[in-house]
Amino acid sequence: MRRHIYRVDPRMILPVILSMLFGAFLILMEGASPKGLLLLAILFPFYYLGAEILARKIILSENGIIVQKFLRSVQMDWSEIEALDVVRTGRKVFLILQGGQSRPVLITNTIHPFDEILKRLVEQLGEDKVSESVKELLKEPRSKYGPLAQAWIVCLLLLGIIAGK
């Protein structure tokens, strides 16, 4: 197997970056005032989430899988993975890779293209390690548009605040 790299849906990148820039502009507009510091404290978790979204990367290779996130990375060899399962909540889908003593690794359906990564994982792991719910999901993979809409809403909200100032 050659190396395959998967990232967050590319349509998410622009609204996330714009939201981060608009937030930074708002903080600069307020300056070092108490309102500016409060705004910084409020927006800090959103900056972390934005960095997490932009840095997320799944790498499938001959040796195993690497899940990279902001400031951390998890690697599992194919031989370490004991099971592949799925959890669904509405349109959200989380693949769960369970290895021996390591923590489970989660992959959400905001990774693009989700159906392709799902197929490659099933092929690599084999039928005996894959749950029935994953096999059902293969027949009907679900895309996730909620985060894309949320990112644009945040972007427009921050732009509206800037326009109001």
C-alpha atoms as a PDB file:
ATOM      1  CA  MET A   1       0.000   0.000   0.000  1.00  0.00           C
ATOM      2  CA  ARG A   2       1.335   3.362  -0.898  1.00  0.00           C
ATOM      3  CA  ARG A   3       0.975   6.274   1.445  1.00  0.00           C
ATOM      4  CA  HIS A   4      -2.427   8.018   1.544  1.00  0.00           C
ATOM      5  CA  ILE A   5      -2.967  11.345   3.302  1.00  0.00           C
ATOM      6  CA  TYR A   6      -6.402  12.597   4.331  1.00  0.00           C
ATOM      7  CA  ARG A   7      -7.314  15.990   5.753  1.00  0.00           C
ATOM      8  CA  VAL A   8     -10.388  17.863   6.816  1.00  0.00           C
ATOM      9  CA  ASP A   9     -12.900  18.663   4.079  1.00  0.00           C
ATOM     10  CA  PRO A  10     -11.216  21.438   2.017  1.00  0.00           C
ATOM     11  CA  ARG A  11     -14.438  23.475   2.062  1.00  0.00           C
ATOM     12  CA  MET A  12     -13.872  23.982   5.825  1.00  0.00           C
ATOM     13  CA  ILE A  13     -10.489  25.659   5.454  1.00  0.00           C
ATOM     14  CA  LEU A  14     -11.591  29.055   4.111  1.00  0.00           C
ATOM     15  CA  PRO A  15     -14.286  29.804   6.716  1.00  0.00           C
ATOM     16  CA  VAL A  16     -12.023  28.636   9.559  1.00  0.00           C
ATOM     17  CA  ILE A  17      -9.141  30.854   8.429  1.00  0.00           C
ATOM     18  CA  LEU A  18     -11.444  33.827   7.823  1.00  0.00           C
ATOM     19  CA  SER A  19     -13.023  33.406  11.263  1.00  0.00           C
ATOM     20  CA  MET A  20      -9.592  33.327  12.883  1.00  0.00           C
ATOM     21  CA  LEU A  21      -8.540  36.466  10.973  1.00  0.00           C
ATOM     22  CA  PHE A  22     -11.766  38.314  11.823  1.00  0.00           C
ATOM     23  CA  GLY A  23     -11.320  37.372  15.489  1.00  0.00           C
ATOM     24  CA  ALA A  24      -7.749  38.644  15.469  1.00  0.00           C
ATOM     25  CA  PHE A  25      -8.917  41.875  13.843  1.00  0.00           C
ATOM     26  CA  LEU A  26     -11.541  42.323  16.575  1.00  0.00           C
ATOM     27  CA  ILE A  27      -8.905  41.793  19.277  1.00  0.00           C
ATOM     28  CA  LEU A  28      -6.616  44.340  17.605  1.00  0.00           C
ATOM     29  CA  MET A  29      -9.478  46.839  17.369  1.00  0.00           C
ATOM     30  CA  GLU A  30     -10.056  46.585  21.130  1.00  0.00           C
ATOM     31  CA  GLY A  31      -6.352  46.791  21.948  1.00  0.00           C
ATOM     32  CA  ALA A  32      -5.004  46.111  25.435  1.00  0.00           C
ATOM     33  CA  SER A  33      -8.196  47.281  27.106  1.00  0.00           C
ATOM     34  CA  PRO A  34     -10.196  45.071  29.489  1.00  0.00           C
ATOM     35  CA  LYS A  35     -12.646  44.405  26.608  1.00  0.00           C
ATOM     36  CA  GLY A  36      -9.751  43.305  24.421  1.00  0.00           C
ATOM     37  CA  LEU A  37      -8.431  40.917  27.072  1.00  0.00           C
ATOM     38  CA  LEU A  38     -11.915  39.521  27.652  1.00  0.00           C
ATOM     39  CA  LEU A  39     -12.357  39.036  23.913  1.00  0.00           C
ATOM     40  CA  LEU A  40      -9.008  37.246  23.766  1.00  0.00           C
ATOM     41  CA  ALA A  41     -10.054  34.950  26.631  1.00  0.00           C
ATOM     42  CA  ILE A  42     -13.366  34.203  24.926  1.00  0.00           C
ATOM     43  CA  LEU A  43     -11.856  33.559  21.489  1.00  0.00           C
ATOM     44  CA  PHE A  44      -8.865  31.510  22.683  1.00  0.00           C
ATOM     45  CA  PRO A  45     -10.761  28.170  22.701  1.00  0.00           C
ATOM     46  CA  PHE A  46     -12.019  28.916  19.192  1.00  0.00           C
ATOM     47  CA  TYR A  47      -8.447  29.542  18.031  1.00  0.00           C
ATOM     48  CA  TYR A  48      -7.407  26.213  19.496  1.00  0.00           C
ATOM     49  CA  LEU A  49     -10.320  24.501  17.733  1.00  0.00           C
ATOM     50  CA  GLY A  50      -9.412  26.244  14.462  1.00  0.00           C
ATOM     51  CA  ALA A  51      -5.794  25.119  14.768  1.00  0.00           C
ATOM     52  CA  GLU A  52      -7.024  21.603  15.548  1.00  0.00           C
ATOM     53  CA  ILE A  53      -9.218  21.574  12.418  1.00  0.00           C
ATOM     54  CA  LEU A  54      -6.475  22.921  10.152  1.00  0.00           C
ATOM     55  CA  ALA A  55      -3.771  20.593  11.505  1.00  0.00           C
ATOM     56  CA  ARG A  56      -5.798  17.361  11.468  1.00  0.00           C
ATOM     57  CA  LYS A  57      -4.280  14.757   9.153  1.00  0.00           C
ATOM     58  CA  ILE A  58      -4.736  10.990   8.760  1.00  0.00           C
ATOM     59  CA  ILE A  59      -1.907   9.068   7.090  1.00  0.00           C
ATOM     60  CA  LEU A  60      -2.331   5.467   5.963  1.00  0.00           C
ATOM     61  CA  SER A  61       0.845   3.644   4.967  1.00  0.00           C
ATOM     62  CA  GLU A  62       2.246   0.135   4.660  1.00  0.00           C
ATOM     63  CA  ASN A  63       3.139   0.111   8.353  1.00  0.00           C
ATOM     64  CA  GLY A  64      -0.029   1.519   9.876  1.00  0.00           C
ATOM     65  CA  ILE A  65      -1.986   4.660  10.558  1.00  0.00           C
ATOM     66  CA  ILE A  66      -0.859   8.032  11.898  1.00  0.00           C
ATOM     67  CA  VAL A  67      -3.401  10.514  13.233  1.00  0.00           C
ATOM     68  CA  GLN A  68      -1.915  13.991  13.546  1.00  0.00           C
ATOM     69  CA  LYS A  69      -3.650  16.766  15.421  1.00  0.00           C
ATOM     70  CA  PHE A  70      -2.509  20.115  16.748  1.00  0.00           C
ATOM     71  CA  LEU A  71       0.515  19.534  19.047  1.00  0.00           C
ATOM     72  CA  ARG A  72       0.071  15.743  19.166  1.00  0.00           C
ATOM     73  CA  SER A  73       0.218  12.634  17.045  1.00  0.00           C
ATOM     74  CA  VAL A  74      -0.786   8.974  17.458  1.00  0.00           C
ATOM     75  CA  GLN A  75       0.643   6.090  15.479  1.00  0.00           C
ATOM     76  CA  MET A  76      -0.683   2.526  15.369  1.00  0.00           C
ATOM     77  CA  ASP A  77       0.809  -0.347  13.398  1.00  0.00           C
ATOM     78  CA  TRP A  78      -1.697  -2.490  11.504  1.00  0.00           C
ATOM     79  CA  SER A  79      -0.765  -5.464  13.674  1.00  0.00           C
ATOM     80  CA  GLU A  80      -1.620  -3.484  16.851  1.00  0.00           C
ATOM     81  CA  ILE A  81      -5.180  -2.726  15.753  1.00  0.00           C
ATOM     82  CA  GLU A  82      -7.573  -5.266  17.215  1.00  0.00           C
ATOM     83  CA  ALA A  83     -10.916  -3.828  16.099  1.00  0.00           C
ATOM     84  CA  LEU A  84     -12.582  -1.199  13.933  1.00  0.00           C
ATOM     85  CA  ASP A  85     -15.972  -0.037  15.132  1.00  0.00           C
ATOM     86  CA  VAL A  86     -18.255   2.925  14.552  1.00  0.00           C
ATOM     87  CA  VAL A  87     -20.447   5.210  16.635  1.00  0.00           C
ATOM     88  CA  ARG A  88     -23.200   7.253  15.007  1.00  0.00           C
ATOM     89  CA  THR A  89     -24.986  10.217  16.521  1.00  0.00           C
ATOM     90  CA  GLY A  90     -27.272  11.804  13.965  1.00  0.00           C
ATOM     91  CA  ARG A  91     -25.121  12.680  10.968  1.00  0.00           C
ATOM     92  CA  LYS A  92     -21.921  12.474  13.002  1.00  0.00           C
ATOM     93  CA  VAL A  93     -19.902   9.309  12.521  1.00  0.00           C
ATOM     94  CA  PHE A  94     -16.825   8.315  14.497  1.00  0.00           C
ATOM     95  CA  LEU A  95     -14.618   5.413  13.477  1.00  0.00           C
ATOM     96  CA  ILE A  96     -12.964   3.804  16.494  1.00  0.00           C
ATOM     97  CA  LEU A  97      -9.673   1.973  16.051  1.00  0.00           C
ATOM     98  CA  GLN A  98      -8.938  -0.094  19.147  1.00  0.00           C
ATOM     99  CA  GLY A  99      -5.423  -1.316  19.781  1.00  0.00           C
ATOM    100  CA  GLY A 100      -3.921  -3.445  22.549  1.00  0.00           C
ATOM    101  CA  GLN A 101      -2.914  -1.229  25.448  1.00  0.00           C
ATOM    102  CA  SER A 102      -3.182   2.064  23.625  1.00  0.00           C
ATOM    103  CA  ARG A 103      -6.124   4.434  23.763  1.00  0.00           C
ATOM    104  CA  PRO A 104      -8.684   4.146  20.994  1.00  0.00           C
ATOM    105  CA  VAL A 105      -8.114   6.352  17.963  1.00  0.00           C
ATOM    106  CA  LEU A 106     -11.133   8.281  16.664  1.00  0.00           C
ATOM    107  CA  ILE A 107     -11.655   9.428  13.098  1.00  0.00           C
ATOM    108  CA  THR A 108     -14.629  11.653  12.348  1.00  0.00           C
ATOM    109  CA  ASN A 109     -16.501  11.974   9.082  1.00  0.00           C
ATOM    110  CA  THR A 110     -15.260  15.542   8.634  1.00  0.00           C
ATOM    111  CA  ILE A 111     -12.145  13.929   7.140  1.00  0.00           C
ATOM    112  CA  HIS A 112     -12.325  14.040   3.357  1.00  0.00           C
ATOM    113  CA  PRO A 113     -13.069  11.717   1.574  1.00  0.00           C
ATOM    114  CA  PHE A 114     -14.503   9.754   4.485  1.00  0.00           C
ATOM    115  CA  ASP A 115     -15.860   6.870   2.399  1.00  0.00           C
ATOM    116  CA  GLU A 116     -12.418   6.274   0.867  1.00  0.00           C
ATOM    117  CA  ILE A 117     -10.602   6.155   4.204  1.00  0.00           C
ATOM    118  CA  LEU A 118     -13.287   3.799   5.516  1.00  0.00           C
ATOM    119  CA  LYS A 119     -12.813   1.414   2.558  1.00  0.00           C
ATOM    120  CA  ARG A 120      -9.024   1.456   2.889  1.00  0.00           C
ATOM    121  CA  LEU A 121      -9.198   0.717   6.621  1.00  0.00           C
ATOM    122  CA  VAL A 122     -11.535  -2.230   6.060  1.00  0.00           C
ATOM    123  CA  GLU A 123      -9.309  -3.582   3.270  1.00  0.00           C
ATOM    124  CA  GLN A 124      -6.182  -3.272   5.387  1.00  0.00           C
ATOM    125  CA  LEU A 125      -7.620  -4.733   8.601  1.00  0.00           C
ATOM    126  CA  GLY A 126      -9.621  -7.591   7.125  1.00  0.00           C
ATOM    127  CA  GLU A 127     -13.172  -8.746   7.821  1.00  0.00           C
ATOM    128  CA  ASP A 128     -12.412 -10.368  11.191  1.00  0.00           C
ATOM    129  CA  LYS A 129     -11.429  -7.055  12.843  1.00  0.00           C
ATOM    130  CA  VAL A 130     -14.312  -5.021  11.430  1.00  0.00           C
ATOM    131  CA  SER A 131     -17.669  -4.763  13.237  1.00  0.00           C
ATOM    132  CA  GLU A 132     -21.008  -5.310  11.523  1.00  0.00           C
ATOM    133  CA  SER A 133     -21.929  -1.644  11.974  1.00  0.00           C
ATOM    134  CA  VAL A 134     -18.830  -0.634   9.973  1.00  0.00           C
ATOM    135  CA  LYS A 135     -19.841  -3.033   7.194  1.00  0.00           C
ATOM    136  CA  GLU A 136     -23.304  -1.422   7.157  1.00  0.00           C
ATOM    137  CA  LEU A 137     -21.702   2.033   7.007  1.00  0.00           C
ATOM    138  CA  LEU A 138     -19.690   0.937   3.945  1.00  0.00           C
ATOM    139  CA  LYS A 139     -22.973   0.485   2.091  1.00  0.00           C
ATOM    140  CA  GLU A 140     -24.175   3.984   3.024  1.00  0.00           C
ATOM    141  CA  PRO A 141     -21.349   6.350   4.064  1.00  0.00           C
ATOM    142  CA  ARG A 142     -22.515   9.630   5.583  1.00  0.00           C
ATOM    143  CA  SER A 143     -21.091  13.031   4.818  1.00  0.00           C
ATOM    144  CA  LYS A 144     -21.173  15.703   7.447  1.00  0.00           C
ATOM    145  CA  TYR A 145     -22.170  19.237   6.462  1.00  0.00           C
ATOM    146  CA  GLY A 146     -22.992  20.664   9.906  1.00  0.00           C
ATOM    147  CA  PRO A 147     -19.452  21.821  10.749  1.00  0.00           C
ATOM    148  CA  LEU A 148     -19.165  23.523   7.367  1.00  0.00           C
ATOM    149  CA  ALA A 149     -22.352  25.496   7.997  1.00  0.00           C
ATOM    150  CA  GLN A 150     -21.235  26.290  11.559  1.00  0.00           C
ATOM    151  CA  ALA A 151     -17.866  27.578  10.333  1.00  0.00           C
ATOM    152  CA  TRP A 152     -19.548  29.932   7.851  1.00  0.00           C
ATOM    153  CA  ILE A 153     -22.017  31.133  10.505  1.00  0.00           C
ATOM    154  CA  VAL A 154     -19.156  31.988  12.890  1.00  0.00           C
ATOM    155  CA  CYS A 155     -17.343  33.739  10.052  1.00  0.00           C
ATOM    156  CA  LEU A 156     -20.407  35.829   9.179  1.00  0.00           C
ATOM    157  CA  LEU A 157     -21.119  36.580  12.849  1.00  0.00           C
ATOM    158  CA  LEU A 158     -17.606  37.919  13.398  1.00  0.00           C
ATOM    159  CA  LEU A 159     -17.798  39.919  10.176  1.00  0.00           C
ATOM    160  CA  GLY A 160     -21.105  41.380  11.394  1.00  0.00           C
ATOM    161  CA  ILE A 161     -19.501  42.403  14.708  1.00  0.00           C
ATOM    162  CA  ILE A 162     -16.629  44.067  12.842  1.00  0.00           C
ATOM    163  CA  ALA A 163     -19.096  45.901  10.584  1.00  0.00           C
ATOM    164  CA  GLY A 164     -21.048  47.027  13.646  1.00  0.00           C
ATOM    165  CA  LYS A 165     -17.950  48.583  15.201  1.00  0.00           C
END
